[in-house]
Amino acid sequence: MLKGNVDEAVRAADAKTASILNATDPDLRRFQARGGKLIIYHGWNDPAISPLNSVNYFNSVSGKMGADQTGQFMRLYMAPGVGHCGGGVGAGSFGQLGMTTAKGSKYGLADALELWVEKGTAAGQITATKYSGKDVLMTRPLCAYPEVPKYNGTGDTNDAASFVCAWPDR
């Protein structure tokens, strides 16, 4: 009985607000035509919203508009070990929500978006930092999806410089 009530409540909420609140339309041609740039990030350890929602949305935009077109205006960064908007066991500070990155603001998310919009330089690798107080515990690259960080085989595993962005092994 409870399941039916929940399903009915979800349908009612969607009928009233989905067109305003749900960002699920994969046709972003008008946004792109106006010069829009979109960076989405999601923590793989987000307990509130499934990270697969962001992956699925990115894939649906790519499916609708084509991977080449999508790459001209949209990036998705998946953050390993990061919770909802930050925090968690991973390197959760990467220029979002006013958070800093150990390499400086020009390596963070907000500045990457600004550079992309104002100079046309596409967002690339983002540096994420894990802090303990003010001490840097580690840095990691965040790669534009579907690429993932891979250890290059040398160097400190707590330093982003020891990683490269690469396609995942299949």
N, C-alpha and C. Protein backbone atom coordinates (compact mmCIF):
# COMPACT_ATOMS: atom_id res chain seq x y z
N MET A 1 0.81 -1.19 0.00
CA MET A 1 0.00 0.00 0.00
C MET A 1 0.86 1.25 0.00
N LEU A 2 1.91 1.26 0.82
CA LEU A 2 2.78 2.43 0.91
C LEU A 2 3.47 2.71 -0.43
N LYS A 3 3.89 1.68 -1.13
CA LYS A 3 4.56 1.85 -2.42
C LYS A 3 3.66 2.61 -3.39
N GLY A 4 2.40 2.27 -3.46
CA GLY A 4 1.47 2.96 -4.35
C GLY A 4 1.33 4.42 -3.99
N ASN A 5 1.31 4.74 -2.70
CA ASN A 5 1.21 6.13 -2.26
C ASN A 5 2.46 6.92 -2.64
N VAL A 6 3.62 6.29 -2.51
CA VAL A 6 4.88 6.96 -2.87
C VAL A 6 4.91 7.22 -4.37
N ASP A 7 4.56 6.21 -5.15
CA ASP A 7 4.55 6.39 -6.61
C ASP A 7 3.59 7.50 -7.02
N GLU A 8 2.43 7.53 -6.39
CA GLU A 8 1.44 8.56 -6.69
C GLU A 8 1.96 9.95 -6.31
N ALA A 9 2.64 10.05 -5.19
CA ALA A 9 3.20 11.33 -4.75
C ALA A 9 4.30 11.81 -5.71
N VAL A 10 5.12 10.88 -6.18
CA VAL A 10 6.17 11.24 -7.14
C VAL A 10 5.55 11.74 -8.44
N ARG A 11 4.55 11.04 -8.93
CA ARG A 11 3.87 11.47 -10.16
C ARG A 11 3.25 12.86 -9.99
N ALA A 12 2.63 13.10 -8.84
CA ALA A 12 1.99 14.40 -8.59
C ALA A 12 3.04 15.51 -8.52
N ALA A 13 4.15 15.25 -7.85
CA ALA A 13 5.22 16.25 -7.76
C ALA A 13 5.81 16.53 -9.13
N ASP A 14 6.03 15.49 -9.92
CA ASP A 14 6.57 15.68 -11.27
C ASP A 14 5.60 16.48 -12.13
N ALA A 15 4.31 16.20 -12.01
CA ALA A 15 3.32 16.92 -12.81
C ALA A 15 3.33 18.41 -12.49
N LYS A 16 3.61 18.76 -11.24
CA LYS A 16 3.59 20.17 -10.83
C LYS A 16 4.90 20.89 -11.10
N THR A 17 6.03 20.22 -10.90
CA THR A 17 7.30 20.96 -10.90
C THR A 17 8.40 20.40 -11.79
N ALA A 18 8.21 19.25 -12.40
CA ALA A 18 9.30 18.62 -13.16
C ALA A 18 9.82 19.50 -14.27
N SER A 19 8.94 20.18 -14.99
CA SER A 19 9.40 20.99 -16.12
C SER A 19 10.26 22.16 -15.67
N ILE A 20 10.13 22.56 -14.41
CA ILE A 20 10.92 23.67 -13.88
C ILE A 20 12.20 23.18 -13.20
N LEU A 21 12.10 22.09 -12.44
CA LEU A 21 13.21 21.65 -11.60
C LEU A 21 14.10 20.58 -12.20
N ASN A 22 13.54 19.67 -12.99
CA ASN A 22 14.34 18.55 -13.50
C ASN A 22 15.16 18.98 -14.71
N ALA A 23 16.45 18.77 -14.61
CA ALA A 23 17.35 19.09 -15.72
C ALA A 23 17.64 17.80 -16.48
N THR A 24 16.68 17.39 -17.30
CA THR A 24 16.82 16.11 -17.98
C THR A 24 16.72 16.22 -19.50
N ASP A 25 16.42 17.39 -20.02
CA ASP A 25 16.29 17.56 -21.47
C ASP A 25 17.68 17.51 -22.10
N PRO A 26 17.94 16.54 -22.97
CA PRO A 26 19.27 16.43 -23.57
C PRO A 26 19.49 17.36 -24.76
N ASP A 27 18.47 18.05 -25.19
CA ASP A 27 18.61 18.95 -26.34
C ASP A 27 19.05 20.33 -25.87
N LEU A 28 20.33 20.55 -25.88
CA LEU A 28 20.91 21.82 -25.41
C LEU A 28 21.37 22.70 -26.57
N ARG A 29 20.76 22.52 -27.73
CA ARG A 29 21.16 23.31 -28.91
C ARG A 29 20.99 24.80 -28.69
N ARG A 30 19.89 25.23 -28.09
CA ARG A 30 19.68 26.67 -27.87
C ARG A 30 20.73 27.23 -26.91
N PHE A 31 21.03 26.48 -25.87
CA PHE A 31 22.07 26.87 -24.91
C PHE A 31 23.42 27.01 -25.62
N GLN A 32 23.78 26.01 -26.42
CA GLN A 32 25.04 26.04 -27.14
C GLN A 32 25.06 27.19 -28.15
N ALA A 33 23.97 27.43 -28.84
CA ALA A 33 23.90 28.49 -29.84
C ALA A 33 24.13 29.88 -29.23
N ARG A 34 23.76 30.05 -27.98
CA ARG A 34 23.99 31.33 -27.30
C ARG A 34 25.40 31.42 -26.72
N GLY A 35 26.25 30.43 -27.01
CA GLY A 35 27.62 30.45 -26.50
C GLY A 35 27.76 29.88 -25.10
N GLY A 36 26.74 29.20 -24.62
CA GLY A 36 26.78 28.65 -23.27
C GLY A 36 27.85 27.58 -23.10
N LYS A 37 28.42 27.55 -21.93
CA LYS A 37 29.38 26.53 -21.53
C LYS A 37 28.87 25.93 -20.22
N LEU A 38 28.95 24.62 -20.11
CA LEU A 38 28.39 23.93 -18.96
C LEU A 38 29.42 22.96 -18.40
N ILE A 39 29.72 23.13 -17.12
CA ILE A 39 30.57 22.18 -16.41
C ILE A 39 29.72 21.57 -15.30
N ILE A 40 29.63 20.26 -15.31
CA ILE A 40 28.92 19.52 -14.28
C ILE A 40 29.97 18.71 -13.52
N TYR A 41 29.82 18.66 -12.21
CA TYR A 41 30.67 17.76 -11.42
C TYR A 41 29.79 16.94 -10.50
N HIS A 42 30.28 15.78 -10.15
CA HIS A 42 29.52 14.92 -9.25
C HIS A 42 30.49 14.03 -8.49
N GLY A 43 30.30 13.89 -7.20
CA GLY A 43 31.11 12.99 -6.40
C GLY A 43 30.64 11.56 -6.55
N TRP A 44 31.57 10.66 -6.77
CA TRP A 44 31.21 9.24 -6.90
C TRP A 44 30.62 8.69 -5.61
N ASN A 45 30.90 9.33 -4.46
CA ASN A 45 30.37 8.85 -3.18
C ASN A 45 29.20 9.69 -2.69
N ASP A 46 28.50 10.35 -3.57
CA ASP A 46 27.36 11.18 -3.20
C ASP A 46 26.24 10.29 -2.63
N PRO A 47 25.89 10.48 -1.35
CA PRO A 47 24.84 9.66 -0.77
C PRO A 47 23.43 10.19 -1.06
N ALA A 48 23.33 11.43 -1.57
CA ALA A 48 22.03 12.05 -1.76
C ALA A 48 21.47 11.83 -3.16
N ILE A 49 22.31 11.95 -4.15
CA ILE A 49 21.89 11.84 -5.55
C ILE A 49 22.85 10.88 -6.24
N SER A 50 22.33 9.91 -6.92
CA SER A 50 23.19 8.94 -7.57
C SER A 50 24.11 9.61 -8.58
N PRO A 51 25.41 9.33 -8.51
CA PRO A 51 26.34 9.88 -9.50
C PRO A 51 26.01 9.41 -10.92
N LEU A 52 25.34 8.29 -11.02
CA LEU A 52 24.97 7.80 -12.35
C LEU A 52 23.96 8.72 -13.03
N ASN A 53 23.22 9.52 -12.25
CA ASN A 53 22.32 10.50 -12.86
C ASN A 53 23.09 11.47 -13.74
N SER A 54 24.23 11.94 -13.25
CA SER A 54 25.04 12.88 -14.03
C SER A 54 25.68 12.20 -15.23
N VAL A 55 26.17 10.98 -15.03
CA VAL A 55 26.75 10.22 -16.15
C VAL A 55 25.68 9.97 -17.21
N ASN A 56 24.51 9.55 -16.78
CA ASN A 56 23.43 9.28 -17.73
C ASN A 56 22.99 10.54 -18.47
N TYR A 57 22.93 11.66 -17.76
CA TYR A 57 22.55 12.90 -18.42
C TYR A 57 23.59 13.31 -19.46
N PHE A 58 24.86 13.26 -19.09
CA PHE A 58 25.92 13.59 -20.04
C PHE A 58 25.83 12.69 -21.27
N ASN A 59 25.64 11.41 -21.05
CA ASN A 59 25.53 10.48 -22.17
C ASN A 59 24.30 10.75 -23.02
N SER A 60 23.20 11.18 -22.39
CA SER A 60 22.00 11.48 -23.18
C SER A 60 22.20 12.74 -24.02
N VAL A 61 22.90 13.74 -23.49
CA VAL A 61 23.21 14.93 -24.29
C VAL A 61 24.12 14.54 -25.45
N SER A 62 25.15 13.73 -25.17
CA SER A 62 26.05 13.27 -26.24
C SER A 62 25.30 12.46 -27.29
N GLY A 63 24.37 11.64 -26.84
CA GLY A 63 23.57 10.85 -27.78
C GLY A 63 22.67 11.71 -28.64
N LYS A 64 22.11 12.75 -28.07
CA LYS A 64 21.21 13.63 -28.80
C LYS A 64 21.96 14.57 -29.74
N MET A 65 23.08 15.12 -29.27
CA MET A 65 23.77 16.17 -30.01
C MET A 65 25.05 15.70 -30.70
N GLY A 66 25.51 14.52 -30.34
CA GLY A 66 26.77 14.01 -30.87
C GLY A 66 27.91 14.37 -29.94
N ALA A 67 28.87 13.47 -29.81
CA ALA A 67 30.00 13.66 -28.90
C ALA A 67 30.82 14.89 -29.25
N ASP A 68 31.07 15.12 -30.54
CA ASP A 68 31.87 16.28 -30.95
C ASP A 68 31.19 17.59 -30.58
N GLN A 69 29.90 17.70 -30.87
CA GLN A 69 29.16 18.91 -30.52
C GLN A 69 29.13 19.12 -29.00
N THR A 70 28.87 18.05 -28.27
CA THR A 70 28.79 18.14 -26.81
C THR A 70 30.12 18.61 -26.23
N GLY A 71 31.21 18.10 -26.76
CA GLY A 71 32.53 18.48 -26.28
C GLY A 71 32.87 19.95 -26.49
N GLN A 72 32.14 20.62 -27.37
CA GLN A 72 32.38 22.04 -27.61
C GLN A 72 31.81 22.95 -26.53
N PHE A 73 30.87 22.43 -25.72
CA PHE A 73 30.25 23.32 -24.73
C PHE A 73 29.99 22.67 -23.37
N MET A 74 30.30 21.39 -23.23
CA MET A 74 29.93 20.71 -21.98
C MET A 74 31.04 19.78 -21.51
N ARG A 75 31.27 19.78 -20.20
CA ARG A 75 32.22 18.87 -19.56
C ARG A 75 31.56 18.29 -18.31
N LEU A 76 31.89 17.04 -18.02
CA LEU A 76 31.47 16.38 -16.79
C LEU A 76 32.73 15.92 -16.08
N TYR A 77 32.83 16.26 -14.79
CA TYR A 77 33.94 15.82 -13.96
C TYR A 77 33.39 14.96 -12.83
N MET A 78 33.82 13.71 -12.78
CA MET A 78 33.42 12.80 -11.72
C MET A 78 34.56 12.76 -10.71
N ALA A 79 34.21 12.95 -9.43
CA ALA A 79 35.21 13.09 -8.37
C ALA A 79 35.21 11.84 -7.48
N PRO A 80 36.24 11.00 -7.61
CA PRO A 80 36.31 9.78 -6.81
C PRO A 80 36.39 10.08 -5.31
N GLY A 81 35.59 9.34 -4.54
CA GLY A 81 35.63 9.46 -3.09
C GLY A 81 34.98 10.72 -2.54
N VAL A 82 34.35 11.51 -3.39
CA VAL A 82 33.76 12.78 -2.96
C VAL A 82 32.26 12.61 -2.76
N GLY A 83 31.75 13.23 -1.69
CA GLY A 83 30.34 13.15 -1.37
C GLY A 83 29.52 14.17 -2.12
N HIS A 84 28.45 14.63 -1.50
CA HIS A 84 27.51 15.57 -2.13
C HIS A 84 28.10 16.98 -2.12
N CYS A 85 28.55 17.44 -3.26
CA CYS A 85 29.14 18.78 -3.46
C CYS A 85 30.54 18.94 -2.88
N GLY A 86 31.05 17.98 -2.17
CA GLY A 86 32.40 18.06 -1.58
C GLY A 86 32.50 17.09 -0.42
N GLY A 87 33.62 17.16 0.26
CA GLY A 87 33.83 16.30 1.42
C GLY A 87 34.00 14.84 1.02
N GLY A 88 34.10 13.99 2.01
CA GLY A 88 34.31 12.57 1.75
C GLY A 88 35.76 12.19 1.87
N VAL A 89 36.07 10.98 1.47
CA VAL A 89 37.43 10.45 1.61
C VAL A 89 38.33 10.89 0.45
N GLY A 90 37.76 11.38 -0.62
CA GLY A 90 38.54 11.79 -1.78
C GLY A 90 38.98 13.24 -1.71
N ALA A 91 39.63 13.66 -2.77
CA ALA A 91 40.09 15.05 -2.89
C ALA A 91 38.88 15.89 -3.29
N GLY A 92 38.22 16.49 -2.29
CA GLY A 92 36.92 17.10 -2.50
C GLY A 92 36.91 18.61 -2.64
N SER A 93 38.07 19.22 -2.80
CA SER A 93 38.14 20.67 -2.94
C SER A 93 38.79 20.98 -4.29
N PHE A 94 37.97 21.52 -5.22
CA PHE A 94 38.48 21.74 -6.58
C PHE A 94 37.89 22.98 -7.22
N GLY A 95 37.71 24.01 -6.40
CA GLY A 95 37.27 25.29 -6.93
C GLY A 95 35.76 25.44 -7.02
N GLN A 96 35.01 24.51 -6.47
CA GLN A 96 33.55 24.61 -6.43
C GLN A 96 33.14 25.26 -5.12
N LEU A 97 32.07 26.00 -5.15
CA LEU A 97 31.49 26.59 -3.94
C LEU A 97 32.50 27.39 -3.13
N GLY A 98 33.45 28.03 -3.79
CA GLY A 98 34.45 28.83 -3.11
C GLY A 98 35.58 28.04 -2.48
N MET A 99 35.60 26.73 -2.69
CA MET A 99 36.68 25.90 -2.13
C MET A 99 37.95 26.12 -2.93
N THR A 100 39.08 25.87 -2.29
CA THR A 100 40.37 26.11 -2.94
C THR A 100 40.98 24.81 -3.42
N THR A 101 41.97 24.96 -4.27
CA THR A 101 42.79 23.83 -4.69
C THR A 101 44.24 24.20 -4.39
N ALA A 102 45.01 23.23 -3.96
CA ALA A 102 46.38 23.48 -3.52
C ALA A 102 47.25 24.11 -4.61
N LYS A 103 46.92 23.89 -5.87
CA LYS A 103 47.72 24.44 -6.96
C LYS A 103 47.33 25.87 -7.32
N GLY A 104 46.30 26.40 -6.66
CA GLY A 104 45.86 27.76 -6.94
C GLY A 104 44.58 27.77 -7.74
N SER A 105 43.91 28.91 -7.72
CA SER A 105 42.58 28.99 -8.31
C SER A 105 42.56 28.69 -9.80
N LYS A 106 43.63 28.98 -10.51
CA LYS A 106 43.58 28.75 -11.96
C LYS A 106 43.47 27.27 -12.32
N TYR A 107 43.63 26.41 -11.33
CA TYR A 107 43.49 24.97 -11.59
C TYR A 107 42.15 24.44 -11.11
N GLY A 108 41.25 25.32 -10.70
CA GLY A 108 39.97 24.90 -10.17
C GLY A 108 38.83 25.03 -11.15
N LEU A 109 37.70 24.53 -10.73
CA LEU A 109 36.50 24.45 -11.56
C LEU A 109 35.96 25.82 -11.97
N ALA A 110 35.80 26.71 -11.03
CA ALA A 110 35.22 28.03 -11.34
C ALA A 110 36.09 28.79 -12.33
N ASP A 111 37.38 28.76 -12.12
CA ASP A 111 38.27 29.47 -13.05
C ASP A 111 38.34 28.80 -14.40
N ALA A 112 38.21 27.48 -14.43
CA ALA A 112 38.18 26.78 -15.72
C ALA A 112 36.96 27.20 -16.53
N LEU A 113 35.83 27.33 -15.85
CA LEU A 113 34.61 27.76 -16.55
C LEU A 113 34.76 29.21 -17.04
N GLU A 114 35.30 30.07 -16.20
CA GLU A 114 35.50 31.47 -16.60
C GLU A 114 36.43 31.58 -17.81
N LEU A 115 37.52 30.84 -17.80
CA LEU A 115 38.46 30.85 -18.92
C LEU A 115 37.80 30.34 -20.19
N TRP A 116 36.98 29.32 -20.06
CA TRP A 116 36.29 28.74 -21.22
C TRP A 116 35.30 29.74 -21.81
N VAL A 117 34.55 30.41 -20.95
CA VAL A 117 33.55 31.38 -21.42
C VAL A 117 34.22 32.62 -22.00
N GLU A 118 35.19 33.16 -21.31
CA GLU A 118 35.77 34.45 -21.70
C GLU A 118 36.86 34.36 -22.75
N LYS A 119 37.62 33.28 -22.77
CA LYS A 119 38.74 33.16 -23.71
C LYS A 119 38.58 32.05 -24.73
N GLY A 120 37.56 31.20 -24.56
CA GLY A 120 37.34 30.11 -25.49
C GLY A 120 38.26 28.93 -25.28
N THR A 121 39.01 28.92 -24.18
CA THR A 121 39.91 27.81 -23.87
C THR A 121 39.12 26.74 -23.12
N ALA A 122 38.91 25.62 -23.78
CA ALA A 122 38.07 24.56 -23.21
C ALA A 122 38.61 24.08 -21.87
N ALA A 123 37.69 23.79 -20.98
CA ALA A 123 38.06 23.26 -19.67
C ALA A 123 38.80 21.95 -19.85
N GLY A 124 39.91 21.82 -19.16
CA GLY A 124 40.71 20.60 -19.23
C GLY A 124 40.73 19.91 -17.88
N GLN A 125 41.89 19.44 -17.52
CA GLN A 125 42.06 18.74 -16.24
C GLN A 125 41.91 19.74 -15.09
N ILE A 126 41.22 19.33 -14.05
CA ILE A 126 41.01 20.12 -12.84
C ILE A 126 41.81 19.47 -11.72
N THR A 127 42.43 20.27 -10.86
CA THR A 127 43.17 19.71 -9.74
C THR A 127 42.31 19.75 -8.49
N ALA A 128 42.11 18.60 -7.88
CA ALA A 128 41.34 18.47 -6.65
C ALA A 128 42.31 18.26 -5.49
N THR A 129 41.93 18.77 -4.33
CA THR A 129 42.80 18.69 -3.15
C THR A 129 42.04 18.08 -1.98
N LYS A 130 42.74 17.24 -1.23
CA LYS A 130 42.23 16.71 0.05
C LYS A 130 43.04 17.38 1.15
N TYR A 131 42.33 18.11 2.02
CA TYR A 131 42.96 18.82 3.13
C TYR A 131 42.66 18.13 4.45
N SER A 132 43.57 18.32 5.40
CA SER A 132 43.33 18.06 6.81
C SER A 132 43.64 19.37 7.50
N GLY A 133 42.61 20.10 7.85
CA GLY A 133 42.82 21.47 8.32
C GLY A 133 43.37 22.29 7.17
N LYS A 134 44.56 22.87 7.36
CA LYS A 134 45.20 23.63 6.28
C LYS A 134 46.28 22.82 5.56
N ASP A 135 46.52 21.61 6.04
CA ASP A 135 47.55 20.75 5.45
C ASP A 135 46.99 20.00 4.25
N VAL A 136 47.78 19.94 3.18
CA VAL A 136 47.41 19.19 1.98
C VAL A 136 47.79 17.73 2.18
N LEU A 137 46.79 16.85 2.13
CA LEU A 137 47.06 15.42 2.23
C LEU A 137 47.36 14.81 0.87
N MET A 138 46.63 15.28 -0.15
CA MET A 138 46.85 14.76 -1.50
C MET A 138 46.19 15.68 -2.52
N THR A 139 46.66 15.56 -3.74
CA THR A 139 45.99 16.19 -4.87
C THR A 139 45.73 15.12 -5.91
N ARG A 140 44.68 15.31 -6.67
CA ARG A 140 44.30 14.37 -7.73
C ARG A 140 43.77 15.16 -8.91
N PRO A 141 44.02 14.66 -10.11
CA PRO A 141 43.38 15.30 -11.26
C PRO A 141 41.93 14.84 -11.36
N LEU A 142 41.06 15.75 -11.74
CA LEU A 142 39.72 15.39 -12.18
C LEU A 142 39.75 15.51 -13.70
N CYS A 143 39.33 14.48 -14.36
CA CYS A 143 39.42 14.41 -15.81
C CYS A 143 38.04 14.59 -16.43
N ALA A 144 38.01 15.17 -17.60
CA ALA A 144 36.75 15.32 -18.32
C ALA A 144 36.24 13.93 -18.71
N TYR A 145 35.03 13.61 -18.26
CA TYR A 145 34.41 12.32 -18.54
C TYR A 145 34.34 12.09 -20.05
N PRO A 146 34.66 10.91 -20.51
CA PRO A 146 34.79 9.65 -19.81
C PRO A 146 36.21 9.31 -19.36
N GLU A 147 37.16 10.23 -19.52
CA GLU A 147 38.51 9.93 -19.06
C GLU A 147 38.55 9.84 -17.54
N VAL A 148 39.54 9.09 -17.04
CA VAL A 148 39.74 8.89 -15.61
C VAL A 148 41.22 9.09 -15.29
N PRO A 149 41.54 9.44 -14.03
CA PRO A 149 42.95 9.57 -13.65
C PRO A 149 43.61 8.20 -13.58
N LYS A 150 44.79 8.11 -14.15
CA LYS A 150 45.58 6.88 -14.08
C LYS A 150 46.98 7.22 -13.60
N TYR A 151 47.46 6.45 -12.65
CA TYR A 151 48.81 6.64 -12.14
C TYR A 151 49.80 6.38 -13.27
N ASN A 152 50.77 7.28 -13.44
CA ASN A 152 51.71 7.15 -14.56
C ASN A 152 52.86 6.20 -14.28
N GLY A 153 52.91 5.62 -13.08
CA GLY A 153 53.92 4.62 -12.77
C GLY A 153 55.11 5.16 -12.00
N THR A 154 55.23 6.47 -11.90
CA THR A 154 56.33 7.06 -11.14
C THR A 154 55.82 8.24 -10.32
N GLY A 155 56.53 8.54 -9.27
CA GLY A 155 56.18 9.71 -8.46
C GLY A 155 55.27 9.38 -7.30
N ASP A 156 55.00 10.40 -6.53
CA ASP A 156 54.19 10.31 -5.31
C ASP A 156 52.72 10.08 -5.67
N THR A 157 52.13 9.05 -5.12
CA THR A 157 50.73 8.76 -5.42
C THR A 157 49.77 9.75 -4.75
N ASN A 158 50.29 10.64 -3.94
CA ASN A 158 49.48 11.70 -3.35
C ASN A 158 49.60 13.02 -4.11
N ASP A 159 50.25 12.99 -5.26
CA ASP A 159 50.46 14.19 -6.06
C ASP A 159 49.79 14.03 -7.43
N ALA A 160 48.95 14.99 -7.77
CA ALA A 160 48.24 14.94 -9.05
C ALA A 160 49.19 14.85 -10.24
N ALA A 161 50.40 15.36 -10.10
CA ALA A 161 51.37 15.32 -11.19
C ALA A 161 51.79 13.90 -11.54
N SER A 162 51.51 12.94 -10.68
CA SER A 162 51.86 11.54 -10.93
C SER A 162 50.75 10.79 -11.68
N PHE A 163 49.74 11.52 -12.15
CA PHE A 163 48.61 10.92 -12.84
C PHE A 163 48.41 11.57 -14.20
N VAL A 164 47.81 10.83 -15.11
CA VAL A 164 47.40 11.37 -16.40
C VAL A 164 45.92 11.04 -16.60
N CYS A 165 45.27 11.84 -17.41
CA CYS A 165 43.88 11.55 -17.76
C CYS A 165 43.89 10.61 -18.98
N ALA A 166 43.17 9.52 -18.87
CA ALA A 166 43.17 8.51 -19.93
C ALA A 166 41.81 7.84 -20.00
N TRP A 167 41.54 7.23 -21.13
CA TRP A 167 40.31 6.45 -21.27
C TRP A 167 40.37 5.27 -20.32
N PRO A 168 39.25 4.91 -19.71
CA PRO A 168 39.25 3.78 -18.79
C PRO A 168 39.51 2.47 -19.51
N ASP A 169 40.11 1.54 -18.79
CA ASP A 169 40.31 0.19 -19.34
C ASP A 169 38.94 -0.46 -19.48
N ARG A 170 38.78 -1.17 -20.55
CA ARG A 170 37.50 -1.85 -20.76
C ARG A 170 37.71 -3.34 -20.58
